[in-house]
Amino acid sequence: MKKLFISQPMVDKTDEEILKEREIAVLEVKQLLNEEVVLIDSFCNEELTPLGYLAYSINCLSMADVAYFSKGWQDYRGCTIEYDCARKYGIKTILSEFDAHKTIVKKD
């Protein structure tokens, strides 16, 4: 069973929208990997600075076997930093716009 980290834009989204996207992401990853995953709970309700949230999420990412990047991730600096960390530290990455027949799960 793989440990899954989800990176997603959260600006202007309700908690319900964020959690619904995460449910969909878990299903997509299970389908792509053809195995069960356990979600690393990186959803934070604490009041932190933007850098504090990023530090928290990178700590969560450090525990992951695979990182899923939700639609629009490339337009948000926190998500792009998480992506760079995942790639540079050998965590498999999945982009949300995948086609199960074309996507390659990459690991550097």
N, C-alpha and C. Protein backbone atom coordinates (compact mmCIF):
# COMPACT_ATOMS: atom_id res chain seq x y z
N MET A 1 0.85 -1.17 0.00
CA MET A 1 0.00 0.00 0.00
C MET A 1 0.89 1.24 0.00
N LYS A 2 0.63 2.14 -0.95
CA LYS A 2 1.41 3.36 -1.09
C LYS A 2 0.83 4.49 -0.23
N LYS A 3 1.73 5.34 0.28
CA LYS A 3 1.32 6.53 1.02
C LYS A 3 1.21 7.69 0.02
N LEU A 4 0.05 8.34 0.00
CA LEU A 4 -0.26 9.35 -0.99
C LEU A 4 -0.31 10.75 -0.40
N PHE A 5 0.40 11.68 -1.04
CA PHE A 5 0.34 13.10 -0.72
C PHE A 5 -0.38 13.80 -1.87
N ILE A 6 -1.29 14.71 -1.55
CA ILE A 6 -2.01 15.46 -2.58
C ILE A 6 -1.63 16.93 -2.48
N SER A 7 -1.17 17.46 -3.60
CA SER A 7 -0.88 18.89 -3.71
C SER A 7 -1.99 19.51 -4.54
N GLN A 8 -2.62 20.53 -3.98
CA GLN A 8 -3.73 21.14 -4.70
C GLN A 8 -3.86 22.62 -4.37
N PRO A 9 -4.26 23.41 -5.37
CA PRO A 9 -4.55 24.81 -5.09
C PRO A 9 -5.75 24.90 -4.15
N MET A 10 -5.67 25.79 -3.17
CA MET A 10 -6.76 25.92 -2.20
C MET A 10 -7.34 27.33 -2.15
N VAL A 11 -6.74 28.24 -2.87
CA VAL A 11 -7.19 29.63 -2.87
C VAL A 11 -8.63 29.71 -3.39
N ASP A 12 -9.46 30.43 -2.66
CA ASP A 12 -10.87 30.67 -3.04
C ASP A 12 -11.71 29.39 -3.11
N LYS A 13 -11.30 28.34 -2.41
CA LYS A 13 -12.09 27.10 -2.36
C LYS A 13 -12.58 26.87 -0.94
N THR A 14 -13.77 26.30 -0.84
CA THR A 14 -14.29 25.95 0.47
C THR A 14 -13.63 24.65 0.93
N ASP A 15 -13.71 24.39 2.23
CA ASP A 15 -13.20 23.13 2.76
C ASP A 15 -13.86 21.95 2.05
N GLU A 16 -15.16 22.06 1.80
CA GLU A 16 -15.89 20.97 1.13
C GLU A 16 -15.35 20.72 -0.27
N GLU A 17 -15.06 21.79 -1.01
CA GLU A 17 -14.51 21.63 -2.37
C GLU A 17 -13.14 20.97 -2.33
N ILE A 18 -12.33 21.38 -1.38
CA ILE A 18 -10.99 20.82 -1.23
C ILE A 18 -11.08 19.33 -0.91
N LEU A 19 -11.92 18.97 0.04
CA LEU A 19 -12.04 17.56 0.44
C LEU A 19 -12.64 16.71 -0.67
N LYS A 20 -13.57 17.25 -1.45
CA LYS A 20 -14.15 16.51 -2.57
C LYS A 20 -13.08 16.24 -3.64
N GLU A 21 -12.25 17.24 -3.94
CA GLU A 21 -11.15 17.04 -4.90
C GLU A 21 -10.22 15.94 -4.42
N ARG A 22 -9.98 15.89 -3.12
CA ARG A 22 -9.10 14.87 -2.57
C ARG A 22 -9.69 13.47 -2.73
N GLU A 23 -10.99 13.35 -2.53
CA GLU A 23 -11.65 12.06 -2.73
C GLU A 23 -11.47 11.58 -4.17
N ILE A 24 -11.65 12.48 -5.11
CA ILE A 24 -11.49 12.15 -6.53
C ILE A 24 -10.05 11.77 -6.83
N ALA A 25 -9.11 12.52 -6.25
CA ALA A 25 -7.69 12.22 -6.46
C ALA A 25 -7.33 10.82 -5.97
N VAL A 26 -7.83 10.45 -4.81
CA VAL A 26 -7.54 9.12 -4.27
C VAL A 26 -8.05 8.04 -5.23
N LEU A 27 -9.23 8.22 -5.76
CA LEU A 27 -9.78 7.25 -6.71
C LEU A 27 -8.94 7.17 -7.98
N GLU A 28 -8.51 8.32 -8.49
CA GLU A 28 -7.68 8.34 -9.70
C GLU A 28 -6.35 7.62 -9.46
N VAL A 29 -5.74 7.86 -8.32
CA VAL A 29 -4.44 7.24 -8.03
C VAL A 29 -4.60 5.73 -7.87
N LYS A 30 -5.66 5.30 -7.18
CA LYS A 30 -5.90 3.86 -7.05
C LYS A 30 -6.05 3.21 -8.43
N GLN A 31 -6.78 3.89 -9.32
CA GLN A 31 -6.99 3.36 -10.67
C GLN A 31 -5.67 3.29 -11.43
N LEU A 32 -4.89 4.35 -11.36
CA LEU A 32 -3.64 4.39 -12.11
C LEU A 32 -2.62 3.38 -11.60
N LEU A 33 -2.49 3.29 -10.28
CA LEU A 33 -1.50 2.38 -9.70
C LEU A 33 -2.01 0.96 -9.55
N ASN A 34 -3.33 0.80 -9.64
CA ASN A 34 -3.97 -0.51 -9.46
C ASN A 34 -3.61 -1.11 -8.10
N GLU A 35 -3.65 -0.26 -7.08
CA GLU A 35 -3.43 -0.73 -5.72
C GLU A 35 -4.04 0.27 -4.73
N GLU A 36 -4.20 -0.18 -3.51
CA GLU A 36 -4.76 0.68 -2.46
C GLU A 36 -3.73 1.72 -2.05
N VAL A 37 -4.22 2.86 -1.62
CA VAL A 37 -3.35 3.91 -1.11
C VAL A 37 -3.91 4.41 0.22
N VAL A 38 -3.02 4.95 1.03
CA VAL A 38 -3.44 5.61 2.27
C VAL A 38 -3.09 7.08 2.11
N LEU A 39 -4.05 7.93 2.38
CA LEU A 39 -3.87 9.37 2.21
C LEU A 39 -3.15 9.96 3.41
N ILE A 40 -2.09 10.70 3.14
CA ILE A 40 -1.41 11.47 4.18
C ILE A 40 -2.25 12.73 4.38
N ASP A 41 -2.73 12.92 5.57
CA ASP A 41 -3.62 14.05 5.84
C ASP A 41 -2.82 15.33 5.95
N SER A 42 -2.75 16.07 4.85
CA SER A 42 -2.00 17.32 4.84
C SER A 42 -2.94 18.53 4.92
N PHE A 43 -4.23 18.27 5.09
CA PHE A 43 -5.20 19.36 5.23
C PHE A 43 -5.03 19.99 6.61
N CYS A 44 -4.70 21.27 6.64
CA CYS A 44 -4.35 21.95 7.88
C CYS A 44 -5.36 23.03 8.22
N ASN A 45 -5.95 22.96 9.40
CA ASN A 45 -6.91 23.96 9.85
C ASN A 45 -6.29 25.00 10.77
N GLU A 46 -5.01 24.91 11.00
CA GLU A 46 -4.34 25.87 11.88
C GLU A 46 -4.12 27.19 11.15
N GLU A 47 -3.98 28.25 11.93
CA GLU A 47 -3.64 29.55 11.36
C GLU A 47 -2.12 29.65 11.26
N LEU A 48 -1.62 29.62 10.04
CA LEU A 48 -0.19 29.71 9.79
C LEU A 48 0.07 30.79 8.74
N THR A 49 1.32 31.16 8.62
CA THR A 49 1.71 32.05 7.52
C THR A 49 1.77 31.20 6.24
N PRO A 50 1.79 31.83 5.07
CA PRO A 50 1.93 31.04 3.84
C PRO A 50 3.16 30.12 3.87
N LEU A 51 4.27 30.62 4.38
CA LEU A 51 5.46 29.79 4.47
C LEU A 51 5.28 28.67 5.49
N GLY A 52 4.54 28.93 6.55
CA GLY A 52 4.25 27.91 7.55
C GLY A 52 3.43 26.77 6.95
N TYR A 53 2.43 27.12 6.13
CA TYR A 53 1.65 26.08 5.44
C TYR A 53 2.53 25.25 4.51
N LEU A 54 3.43 25.93 3.80
CA LEU A 54 4.32 25.22 2.88
C LEU A 54 5.24 24.27 3.65
N ALA A 55 5.78 24.74 4.77
CA ALA A 55 6.64 23.89 5.59
C ALA A 55 5.88 22.65 6.07
N TYR A 56 4.65 22.88 6.50
CA TYR A 56 3.80 21.77 6.96
C TYR A 56 3.58 20.77 5.83
N SER A 57 3.26 21.28 4.63
CA SER A 57 2.97 20.38 3.52
C SER A 57 4.23 19.64 3.05
N ILE A 58 5.38 20.29 3.08
CA ILE A 58 6.61 19.60 2.68
C ILE A 58 6.95 18.50 3.68
N ASN A 59 6.69 18.74 4.95
CA ASN A 59 6.88 17.68 5.95
C ASN A 59 5.98 16.48 5.62
N CYS A 60 4.73 16.75 5.28
CA CYS A 60 3.81 15.66 4.89
C CYS A 60 4.32 14.96 3.63
N LEU A 61 4.76 15.74 2.65
CA LEU A 61 5.28 15.18 1.40
C LEU A 61 6.46 14.25 1.67
N SER A 62 7.27 14.56 2.65
CA SER A 62 8.46 13.75 2.94
C SER A 62 8.11 12.33 3.35
N MET A 63 6.87 12.08 3.75
CA MET A 63 6.43 10.75 4.17
C MET A 63 5.81 9.95 3.03
N ALA A 64 5.67 10.56 1.84
CA ALA A 64 4.91 9.97 0.74
C ALA A 64 5.73 9.06 -0.16
N ASP A 65 5.03 8.07 -0.71
CA ASP A 65 5.59 7.24 -1.78
C ASP A 65 5.25 7.83 -3.14
N VAL A 66 4.10 8.50 -3.19
CA VAL A 66 3.61 9.08 -4.43
C VAL A 66 2.92 10.40 -4.12
N ALA A 67 3.10 11.38 -5.03
CA ALA A 67 2.47 12.69 -4.87
C ALA A 67 1.59 12.96 -6.08
N TYR A 68 0.37 13.36 -5.81
CA TYR A 68 -0.62 13.67 -6.84
C TYR A 68 -0.78 15.19 -6.89
N PHE A 69 -0.72 15.75 -8.10
CA PHE A 69 -0.83 17.19 -8.27
C PHE A 69 -2.14 17.51 -8.99
N SER A 70 -3.05 18.17 -8.26
CA SER A 70 -4.38 18.48 -8.75
C SER A 70 -4.35 19.53 -9.85
N LYS A 71 -5.43 19.54 -10.62
CA LYS A 71 -5.56 20.48 -11.73
C LYS A 71 -5.24 21.91 -11.29
N GLY A 72 -4.40 22.57 -12.07
CA GLY A 72 -4.02 23.95 -11.79
C GLY A 72 -2.80 24.10 -10.90
N TRP A 73 -2.21 23.00 -10.46
CA TRP A 73 -1.09 23.06 -9.54
C TRP A 73 0.04 23.96 -10.06
N GLN A 74 0.27 23.93 -11.36
CA GLN A 74 1.41 24.65 -11.94
C GLN A 74 1.27 26.17 -11.84
N ASP A 75 0.09 26.65 -11.46
CA ASP A 75 -0.13 28.09 -11.35
C ASP A 75 0.03 28.63 -9.93
N TYR A 76 0.43 27.77 -8.99
CA TYR A 76 0.53 28.17 -7.59
C TYR A 76 1.93 27.85 -7.07
N ARG A 77 2.58 28.85 -6.50
CA ARG A 77 3.98 28.68 -6.11
C ARG A 77 4.19 27.57 -5.08
N GLY A 78 3.27 27.42 -4.12
CA GLY A 78 3.43 26.34 -3.14
C GLY A 78 3.39 24.97 -3.81
N CYS A 79 2.47 24.79 -4.72
CA CYS A 79 2.37 23.51 -5.44
C CYS A 79 3.60 23.26 -6.31
N THR A 80 4.12 24.30 -6.95
CA THR A 80 5.30 24.10 -7.80
C THR A 80 6.52 23.76 -6.94
N ILE A 81 6.61 24.34 -5.76
CA ILE A 81 7.71 24.00 -4.86
C ILE A 81 7.56 22.55 -4.40
N GLU A 82 6.34 22.13 -4.06
CA GLU A 82 6.10 20.74 -3.68
C GLU A 82 6.47 19.80 -4.83
N TYR A 83 6.12 20.18 -6.05
CA TYR A 83 6.47 19.36 -7.22
C TYR A 83 7.98 19.24 -7.36
N ASP A 84 8.69 20.37 -7.26
CA ASP A 84 10.15 20.33 -7.36
C ASP A 84 10.75 19.43 -6.28
N CYS A 85 10.25 19.53 -5.07
CA CYS A 85 10.74 18.69 -3.97
C CYS A 85 10.49 17.22 -4.27
N ALA A 86 9.29 16.90 -4.70
CA ALA A 86 8.96 15.50 -5.00
C ALA A 86 9.89 14.95 -6.07
N ARG A 87 10.08 15.69 -7.13
CA ARG A 87 10.93 15.22 -8.24
C ARG A 87 12.39 15.09 -7.79
N LYS A 88 12.88 16.07 -7.07
CA LYS A 88 14.30 16.07 -6.68
C LYS A 88 14.61 15.06 -5.59
N TYR A 89 13.59 14.65 -4.83
CA TYR A 89 13.82 13.69 -3.75
C TYR A 89 13.24 12.31 -4.05
N GLY A 90 12.95 12.04 -5.32
CA GLY A 90 12.61 10.69 -5.75
C GLY A 90 11.22 10.20 -5.40
N ILE A 91 10.28 11.11 -5.19
CA ILE A 91 8.90 10.71 -4.92
C ILE A 91 8.16 10.65 -6.25
N LYS A 92 7.48 9.55 -6.50
CA LYS A 92 6.72 9.41 -7.75
C LYS A 92 5.70 10.54 -7.85
N THR A 93 5.49 11.04 -9.05
CA THR A 93 4.54 12.13 -9.25
C THR A 93 3.46 11.73 -10.25
N ILE A 94 2.24 12.16 -9.96
CA ILE A 94 1.12 11.96 -10.86
C ILE A 94 0.45 13.32 -11.05
N LEU A 95 0.22 13.68 -12.29
CA LEU A 95 -0.47 14.93 -12.60
C LEU A 95 -1.93 14.61 -12.86
N SER A 96 -2.82 15.48 -12.42
CA SER A 96 -4.26 15.18 -12.45
C SER A 96 -4.82 14.98 -13.84
N GLU A 97 -4.25 15.60 -14.83
CA GLU A 97 -4.78 15.49 -16.18
C GLU A 97 -4.27 14.22 -16.86
N PHE A 98 -4.23 13.12 -16.13
CA PHE A 98 -3.65 11.91 -16.71
C PHE A 98 -4.67 11.14 -17.53
N ASP A 99 -4.13 10.40 -18.48
CA ASP A 99 -4.88 9.41 -19.25
C ASP A 99 -4.25 8.09 -18.86
N ALA A 100 -5.03 7.21 -18.29
CA ALA A 100 -4.49 5.95 -17.75
C ALA A 100 -3.71 5.16 -18.79
N HIS A 101 -3.96 5.40 -20.07
CA HIS A 101 -3.27 4.66 -21.13
C HIS A 101 -2.02 5.38 -21.62
N LYS A 102 -1.82 6.63 -21.22
CA LYS A 102 -0.70 7.40 -21.71
C LYS A 102 0.23 7.90 -20.62
N THR A 103 -0.26 8.04 -19.41
CA THR A 103 0.53 8.64 -18.34
C THR A 103 1.60 7.68 -17.84
N ILE A 104 2.77 8.22 -17.63
CA ILE A 104 3.86 7.46 -17.04
C ILE A 104 4.09 8.04 -15.66
N VAL A 105 4.05 7.19 -14.66
CA VAL A 105 4.35 7.64 -13.30
C VAL A 105 5.87 7.73 -13.22
N LYS A 106 6.37 8.94 -12.99
CA LYS A 106 7.80 9.18 -13.06
C LYS A 106 8.46 9.12 -11.70
N LYS A 107 9.67 8.62 -11.70
CA LYS A 107 10.49 8.65 -10.50
C LYS A 107 11.91 8.93 -10.95
N ASP A 108 12.48 10.01 -10.44
CA ASP A 108 13.86 10.35 -10.79
C ASP A 108 14.83 9.56 -9.95
